[in-house]
Protein backbone atom coordinates (compact mmCIF):
# COMPACT_ATOMS: atom_id res chain seq x y z
CA UNK A 1 29.80 6.01 -2.56
CA UNK A 2 28.14 2.94 -3.54
CA UNK A 3 25.72 3.07 -6.46
CA UNK A 4 21.78 1.79 -6.59
CA UNK A 5 19.60 0.85 -9.13
CA UNK A 6 16.05 0.43 -8.05
CA UNK A 7 13.61 -1.35 -9.89
CA UNK A 8 10.14 0.49 -9.25
CA UNK A 9 6.82 -1.15 -11.25
CA UNK A 10 5.98 2.40 -13.06
CA UNK A 11 6.38 5.79 -13.30
CA UNK A 12 3.31 7.43 -12.10
CA UNK A 13 1.35 10.49 -13.57
CA UNK A 14 0.58 11.12 -10.31
CA UNK A 15 1.15 9.50 -6.99
CA UNK A 16 -2.31 8.49 -6.47
CA UNK A 17 -2.35 4.60 -5.57
CA UNK A 18 -1.32 3.54 -2.06
CA UNK A 19 2.12 1.47 -3.37
CA UNK A 20 3.41 4.23 -5.50
CA UNK A 21 3.06 6.49 -2.18
CA UNK A 22 4.97 3.55 -0.27
CA UNK A 23 7.55 2.89 -3.20
CA UNK A 24 8.08 6.79 -3.15
CA UNK A 25 9.23 7.16 0.18
CA UNK A 26 12.01 4.20 -0.44
CA UNK A 27 13.05 6.34 -2.77
CA UNK A 28 13.26 9.14 -0.89
CA UNK A 29 15.16 7.53 1.98
CA UNK A 30 18.06 6.07 -0.73
CA UNK A 31 18.71 9.34 -1.94
CA UNK A 32 18.78 10.80 1.87
CA UNK A 33 21.47 7.53 2.67
CA UNK A 34 23.31 7.09 -0.69
CA UNK A 35 23.37 10.46 -2.21
CA UNK A 36 20.25 11.01 -5.16
CA UNK A 37 23.14 11.10 -8.02
CA UNK A 38 24.16 7.88 -7.02
CA UNK A 39 20.32 6.37 -7.38
CA UNK A 40 19.04 5.58 -10.40
CA UNK A 41 15.34 4.43 -11.31
CA UNK A 42 13.90 2.13 -13.50
CA UNK A 43 10.25 1.91 -14.39
CA UNK A 44 8.89 -1.10 -15.50
CA UNK A 45 5.51 0.77 -16.98
CA UNK A 46 5.49 4.74 -17.62
CA UNK A 47 1.84 6.20 -17.21
CA UNK A 48 3.06 9.57 -18.96
CA UNK A 49 3.29 7.36 -22.25
CA UNK A 50 0.32 6.33 -23.99
CA UNK A 51 0.34 2.67 -24.11
CA UNK A 52 0.02 0.42 -27.85
CA UNK A 53 -2.04 -2.09 -28.10
CA UNK A 54 0.91 -4.78 -29.47
CA UNK A 55 2.51 -4.37 -25.89
CA UNK A 56 -0.35 -5.22 -23.85
CA UNK A 57 -0.55 -7.96 -25.86
CA UNK A 58 3.11 -9.03 -25.78
CA UNK A 59 2.73 -8.27 -21.84
CA UNK A 60 0.11 -11.23 -21.42
CA UNK A 61 1.78 -13.56 -24.07
CA UNK A 62 5.13 -13.87 -21.92
CA UNK A 63 2.74 -14.14 -18.14
CA UNK A 64 3.14 -18.11 -18.88
CA UNK A 65 6.53 -17.77 -18.91
CA UNK A 66 7.25 -16.12 -15.21
CA UNK A 67 7.57 -12.59 -16.99
CA UNK A 68 4.83 -10.00 -15.38
CA UNK A 69 3.38 -7.28 -17.08
CA UNK A 70 5.73 -4.94 -18.65
CA UNK A 71 8.53 -7.47 -18.75
CA UNK A 72 10.18 -9.10 -21.56
CA UNK A 73 13.27 -11.41 -21.87
CA UNK A 74 14.52 -8.73 -24.31
CA UNK A 75 14.06 -6.16 -21.17
CA UNK A 76 15.53 -8.13 -18.86
CA UNK A 77 18.46 -9.08 -21.22
CA UNK A 78 18.78 -4.90 -21.06
CA UNK A 79 18.51 -4.88 -16.65
CA UNK A 80 20.86 -7.31 -16.43
CA UNK A 81 23.58 -5.17 -18.75
CA UNK A 82 22.73 -2.09 -16.94
CA UNK A 83 23.19 -3.54 -13.44
CA UNK A 84 26.71 -4.27 -13.90
CA UNK A 85 27.00 -0.57 -13.06
CA UNK A 86 25.47 -0.75 -9.69
CA UNK A 87 26.74 -2.34 -6.08
CA UNK A 88 22.70 -2.87 -5.06
CA UNK A 89 19.69 -3.98 -6.95
CA UNK A 90 17.04 -2.67 -5.00
CA UNK A 91 13.32 -4.44 -6.65
CA UNK A 92 11.24 -2.84 -5.17
CA UNK A 93 8.09 -5.85 -6.03
CA UNK A 94 8.46 -9.27 -5.49
CA UNK A 95 6.62 -9.47 -9.47
CA UNK A 96 10.02 -9.17 -10.79
CA UNK A 97 11.26 -12.00 -8.71
CA UNK A 98 12.49 -13.18 -12.36
CA UNK A 99 15.21 -10.25 -12.19
CA UNK A 100 16.58 -11.28 -8.94
CA UNK A 101 16.67 -14.83 -10.45
CA UNK A 102 18.89 -13.74 -14.25
CA UNK A 103 20.79 -11.66 -11.88
CA UNK A 104 22.15 -14.18 -10.07
CA UNK A 105 22.18 -16.84 -12.91
CA UNK A 106 23.90 -14.27 -15.11
CA UNK A 107 27.29 -13.80 -12.21
CA UNK A 108 25.89 -10.05 -10.62
CA UNK A 109 27.89 -9.83 -7.77
CA UNK A 110 26.60 -6.88 -5.96
CA UNK A 111 23.91 -7.12 -3.82
CA UNK A 112 19.92 -7.94 -4.60
CA UNK A 113 17.03 -6.69 -2.65
CA UNK A 114 13.67 -7.96 -2.91
CA UNK A 115 10.73 -6.31 -1.14
CA UNK A 116 7.02 -7.72 -0.61
CA UNK A 117 4.68 -4.61 -0.36
CA UNK A 118 2.13 -7.91 -0.31
CA UNK A 119 1.86 -11.91 -0.35
CA UNK A 120 0.96 -11.24 -4.49
CA UNK A 121 -0.75 -14.47 -4.87
CA UNK A 122 -2.94 -13.78 -2.35
CA UNK A 123 -3.30 -9.90 -3.46
CA UNK A 124 -4.24 -11.11 -6.87
CA UNK A 125 -6.30 -13.22 -5.99
CA UNK A 126 -8.70 -10.46 -4.18
CA UNK A 127 -8.48 -8.06 -6.95
CA UNK A 128 -9.32 -10.10 -9.87
CA UNK A 129 -11.86 -12.46 -8.61
CA UNK A 130 -13.00 -15.16 -10.93
CA UNK A 131 -11.91 -13.89 -13.70
CA UNK A 132 -11.30 -16.54 -15.90
CA UNK A 133 -7.14 -15.74 -17.01
CA UNK A 134 -6.35 -14.88 -12.89
CA UNK A 135 -4.94 -18.40 -13.21
CA UNK A 136 -2.39 -17.28 -15.57
CA UNK A 137 -1.70 -14.20 -12.95
CA UNK A 138 -1.53 -15.99 -9.90
CA UNK A 139 0.56 -18.81 -10.74
CA UNK A 140 2.79 -16.35 -12.46
CA UNK A 141 3.33 -14.27 -9.36
CA UNK A 142 3.93 -16.87 -6.98
CA UNK A 143 6.86 -18.17 -9.22
CA UNK A 144 8.38 -14.70 -8.84
CA UNK A 145 7.86 -14.86 -5.36
CA UNK A 146 9.38 -17.55 -4.99
CA UNK A 147 12.32 -16.65 -7.13
CA UNK A 148 12.48 -13.40 -5.11
CA UNK A 149 13.09 -15.99 -1.75
CA UNK A 150 15.67 -18.22 -3.43
CA UNK A 151 18.14 -16.03 -5.44
CA UNK A 152 17.61 -12.23 -3.37
CA UNK A 153 20.67 -11.76 -1.17
CA UNK A 154 18.15 -9.78 1.32
CA UNK A 155 14.29 -10.37 1.36
CA UNK A 156 12.02 -7.10 3.14
CA UNK A 157 8.59 -7.77 4.44
CA UNK A 158 6.18 -5.24 6.11
CA UNK A 159 5.18 -6.88 8.81
CA UNK A 160 5.52 -10.12 11.11
CA UNK A 161 2.51 -11.73 9.77
CA UNK A 162 3.75 -11.01 5.95
CA UNK A 163 7.26 -12.37 6.98
CA UNK A 164 5.26 -15.75 8.66
CA UNK A 165 3.09 -16.72 5.50
CA UNK A 166 6.58 -15.80 3.36
CA UNK A 167 8.18 -18.93 5.28
CA UNK A 168 5.31 -21.07 5.04
CA UNK A 169 4.76 -20.42 1.05
CA UNK A 170 8.35 -20.01 -0.13
CA UNK A 171 10.64 -21.60 2.59
CA UNK A 172 12.60 -18.61 4.37
CA UNK A 173 11.77 -16.14 6.63
CA UNK A 174 12.55 -12.64 5.22
CA UNK A 175 15.92 -10.78 6.54
CA UNK A 176 14.39 -7.58 7.70
CA UNK A 177 10.68 -6.39 8.42
CA UNK A 178 10.34 -2.53 7.84
CA UNK A 179 6.90 -1.18 7.88
CA UNK A 180 5.09 0.84 5.54
CA UNK A 181 6.16 4.39 6.09
CA UNK A 182 5.18 7.56 4.10
CA UNK A 183 7.11 11.32 3.78
CA UNK A 184 5.16 13.54 6.00
CA UNK A 185 2.81 15.62 3.88
CA UNK A 186 0.49 17.31 6.25
CA UNK A 187 3.84 19.88 8.70
CA UNK A 188 1.59 22.77 9.53
CA UNK A 189 2.27 25.80 11.85
CA UNK A 190 -1.79 25.37 13.16
CA UNK A 191 -3.57 22.06 13.09
CA UNK A 192 -7.35 21.70 12.90
CA UNK A 193 -8.99 22.41 15.81
CA UNK A 194 -12.77 21.92 17.20
CA UNK A 195 -14.90 18.83 18.34
CA UNK A 196 -16.30 15.96 16.46
CA UNK A 197 -19.87 16.73 15.69
CA UNK A 198 -22.74 15.82 17.14
CA UNK A 199 -23.81 13.90 13.43
CA UNK A 200 -20.13 12.75 12.83
CA UNK A 201 -18.67 12.95 9.21
CA UNK A 202 -16.99 9.36 9.00
CA UNK A 203 -15.17 8.67 5.92
CA UNK A 204 -14.17 5.26 3.76
CA UNK A 205 -11.14 6.30 1.48
CA UNK A 206 -9.69 3.91 -1.07
CA UNK A 207 -9.66 2.94 -4.60
CA UNK A 208 -11.93 0.91 -6.51
CA UNK A 209 -10.69 -2.28 -5.20
CA UNK A 210 -12.79 -5.54 -4.44
CA UNK A 211 -11.85 -5.78 -1.16
CA UNK A 212 -11.91 -2.06 -0.15
CA UNK A 213 -15.68 -2.26 -1.85
CA UNK A 214 -16.93 -5.50 0.30
CA UNK A 215 -15.59 -3.78 3.63
CA UNK A 216 -17.54 -0.32 2.51
CA UNK A 217 -20.43 -2.41 1.16
CA UNK A 218 -20.41 -4.14 4.31
CA UNK A 219 -20.18 -1.15 6.58
CA UNK A 220 -23.43 0.49 4.55
CA UNK A 221 -25.72 -2.82 5.35
CA UNK A 222 -24.66 -3.52 8.72
CA UNK A 223 -23.81 -0.59 10.91
CA UNK A 224 -24.41 2.71 8.78
CA UNK A 225 -28.24 2.56 9.34
CA UNK A 226 -27.76 2.08 12.99
CA UNK A 227 -25.60 5.09 14.02
CA UNK A 228 -26.65 8.59 13.28
CA UNK A 229 -23.87 9.83 11.36
CA UNK A 230 -22.90 11.63 8.01
CA UNK A 231 -21.31 9.03 5.50
CA UNK A 232 -18.65 9.82 2.67
CA UNK A 233 -16.43 7.42 0.39
CA UNK A 234 -13.81 8.76 -1.54
CA UNK A 235 -11.29 7.36 -3.54
CA UNK A 236 -10.19 6.37 -7.05
CA UNK A 237 -12.82 4.88 -9.29
CA UNK A 238 -14.98 5.00 -6.69
CA UNK A 239 -17.97 5.97 -8.85
CA UNK A 240 -17.81 2.71 -10.23
CA UNK A 241 -19.14 1.26 -6.77
CA UNK A 242 -23.03 2.89 -7.47
CA UNK A 243 -22.48 0.56 -10.71
CA UNK A 244 -21.95 -2.29 -8.72
CA UNK A 245 -23.17 -2.30 -5.28
CA UNK A 246 -26.55 -0.11 -3.33
CA UNK A 247 -24.92 2.92 -2.29
CA UNK A 248 -27.51 4.90 0.16
CA UNK A 249 -28.71 8.62 -1.44
CA UNK A 250 -27.79 9.97 1.07
CA UNK A 251 -24.58 8.63 1.11
CA UNK A 252 -22.15 10.80 -0.43
CA UNK A 253 -19.60 9.04 -2.93
CA UNK A 254 -16.24 11.21 -4.50
CA UNK A 255 -14.27 9.44 -7.04
CA UNK A 256 -11.07 10.68 -8.33
CA UNK A 257 -10.21 13.90 -6.34
CA UNK A 258 -7.41 15.88 -7.31
CA UNK A 259 -6.38 16.51 -3.90
CA UNK A 260 -7.11 14.82 -0.32
CA UNK A 261 -6.07 16.96 1.78
CA UNK A 262 -9.60 18.90 2.55
CA UNK A 263 -11.30 15.74 2.82
CA UNK A 264 -8.99 14.40 5.94
CA UNK A 265 -9.05 17.40 7.28
CA UNK A 266 -13.15 17.73 7.58
CA UNK A 267 -13.52 14.12 8.26
CA UNK A 268 -14.50 13.82 11.85
CA UNK A 269 -13.57 10.00 11.88
CA UNK A 270 -11.73 7.57 9.21
CA UNK A 271 -13.96 4.10 9.55
CA UNK A 272 -11.65 1.54 7.80
CA UNK A 273 -13.40 -1.65 7.60
CA UNK A 274 -10.93 -4.09 5.75
CA UNK A 275 -11.54 -7.77 6.30
CA UNK A 276 -8.99 -9.35 3.72
CA UNK A 277 -5.65 -8.42 2.52
CA UNK A 278 -2.11 -8.40 3.22
CA UNK A 279 0.99 -6.51 3.72
CA UNK A 280 -0.08 -2.71 5.44
CA UNK A 281 -2.97 -0.29 4.64
CA UNK A 282 -1.45 3.02 3.06
CA UNK A 283 -5.11 4.66 3.94
CA UNK A 284 -4.31 3.72 7.71
CA UNK A 285 -0.34 5.15 7.32
CA UNK A 286 -2.21 8.11 5.82
CA UNK A 287 -4.56 8.75 8.57
CA UNK A 288 -2.38 8.65 11.19
CA UNK A 289 0.07 11.81 9.37
CA UNK A 290 -3.26 13.60 9.14
CA UNK A 291 -4.25 13.34 13.27
CA UNK A 292 -7.09 11.57 12.65
CA UNK A 293 -9.70 9.46 14.93
CA UNK A 294 -9.45 5.77 13.31
CA UNK A 295 -12.08 3.26 14.13
CA UNK A 296 -11.02 0.20 12.07
CA UNK A 297 -10.93 -3.65 11.59
CA UNK A 298 -7.31 -5.78 12.36
CA UNK A 299 -7.02 -6.15 8.76
CA UNK A 300 -6.44 -2.33 8.64
CA UNK A 301 -4.58 -2.15 11.54
CA UNK A 302 -2.55 -4.92 10.73
CA UNK A 303 1.45 -4.01 11.12
CA UNK A 304 0.66 -0.89 12.88
CA UNK A 305 2.07 -0.79 17.06
CA UNK A 306 -0.30 1.50 18.34
CA UNK A 307 -2.79 2.17 21.21
CA UNK A 308 -6.24 0.75 19.65
CA UNK A 309 -8.52 3.14 22.25
CA UNK A 310 -6.19 6.47 21.86
CA UNK A 311 -6.76 6.52 18.24
CA UNK A 312 -10.63 5.34 18.14
CA UNK A 313 -11.14 2.17 18.14
CA UNK A 314 -10.23 -1.45 16.60
CA UNK A 315 -13.59 -3.22 15.85
CA UNK A 316 -14.41 -6.39 13.53
CA UNK A 317 -17.87 -7.05 13.71
CA UNK A 318 -21.47 -4.48 13.22
CA UNK A 319 -21.90 -3.87 16.70
CA UNK A 320 -17.81 -3.53 17.65
CA UNK A 321 -18.68 -0.48 15.15
CA UNK A 322 -21.84 0.68 16.42
CA UNK A 323 -20.18 0.93 19.70
CA UNK A 324 -17.43 2.98 18.68
CA UNK A 325 -18.95 5.21 16.70
CA UNK A 326 -21.80 5.67 19.59
CA UNK A 327 -19.05 6.79 21.56
CA UNK A 328 -17.94 9.71 19.59
CA UNK A 329 -21.46 10.93 18.84
CA UNK A 330 -22.07 10.26 22.92
CA UNK A 331 -18.85 12.41 23.79
CA UNK A 332 -17.30 14.05 21.40
CA UNK A 333 -13.50 14.65 20.78
CA UNK A 334 -11.12 16.77 18.82
CA UNK A 335 -11.26 16.41 15.53
CA UNK A 336 -7.41 16.65 14.93
CA UNK A 337 -6.35 13.48 16.86
CA UNK A 338 -2.63 14.20 19.05
CA UNK A 339 -1.83 11.25 19.11
CA UNK A 340 -2.51 9.57 16.25
CA UNK A 341 0.07 12.54 15.01
CA UNK A 342 2.37 11.37 17.39
CA UNK A 343 2.48 8.09 16.40
CA UNK A 344 3.25 8.71 12.83
CA UNK A 345 5.99 11.10 13.40
CA UNK A 346 8.13 8.66 15.70
CA UNK A 347 7.27 5.49 13.83
CA UNK A 348 5.63 5.48 10.31
CA UNK A 349 7.38 8.87 8.80
CA UNK A 350 10.09 9.02 5.94
CA UNK A 351 12.54 10.15 8.57
CA UNK A 352 11.48 6.75 11.07
CA UNK A 353 12.85 4.58 8.51
CA UNK A 354 16.37 5.92 7.67
CA UNK A 355 18.34 3.90 10.49
CA UNK A 356 16.20 0.90 8.95
CA UNK A 357 17.23 1.15 5.77
CA UNK A 358 20.92 2.49 6.93
CA UNK A 359 21.41 -0.82 8.71
CA UNK A 360 20.71 -3.54 5.09
CA UNK A 361 23.02 -1.71 3.19
């Protein structure tokens, strides 16, 4: 049986972030195809270990040379030496495209995969805003995206929009498009019953990240005052929204919860007003998995093939969001959306990805 070395960004203390949840899905699929004993995980960062100040300083020093935070020439040499034992190297984030470059320049004979979670310069531009060091980081990730396209044997993107942007920027159309999928964390004997309330509970979910916060802020200013709903915001670090955005007193703001399941179950409608980004949104996939009614923007639904009316509605301006929410108020629907759950199981669960990964190995 062939052996694979999987390079992941970090060994998370808990799988609370979207990207890392998607990474774990890929690992689990590869375990099932190759056998767990034939897949080795190499983590660039370990969140279970406290980093020294010297590590941060060293990491910042290497950014201008194309080494994303966590990599140094010494660390790369260690990976190259270990790589000779493996038939495949799967680089899960293209911010580490320098590894593909060094592997091929070093004569590695196996197959190198590079996976685009996002168009990284766009992601980091949105994440960092106008911070003085943002140019150094976006230039570094752009180099690594480019090296991924130039040196990897097989490039993968999440959706056709990203694939077209990758070709436009770096001159290579990805070899495969494999959509986001998640391990099914909602297998139950009996799913919630009941109808959405006359004053439905709408939930916005996501980590404290500028595009998430800007979308929620827009929703609060332009939609929330015009519909009779309860609004709940839940996510990692989201308590900081109260410091930097105006949150009305009657909006519930919940930060860093250990388990999202009760919050998903209680929500009548998932509202996802995102207007910038790349890749695919984990919160959308999770909402499908939990069988939720979903009212979301084009950006939030990018890459998902489904009937927007059956999940709740696709909305890109205030009036569309208001109309979609008002339809729930006037005509309540089941809180558990069977269609959303069905789409998840058929297209966006780990089980649905087995054949796609078999085909590229």
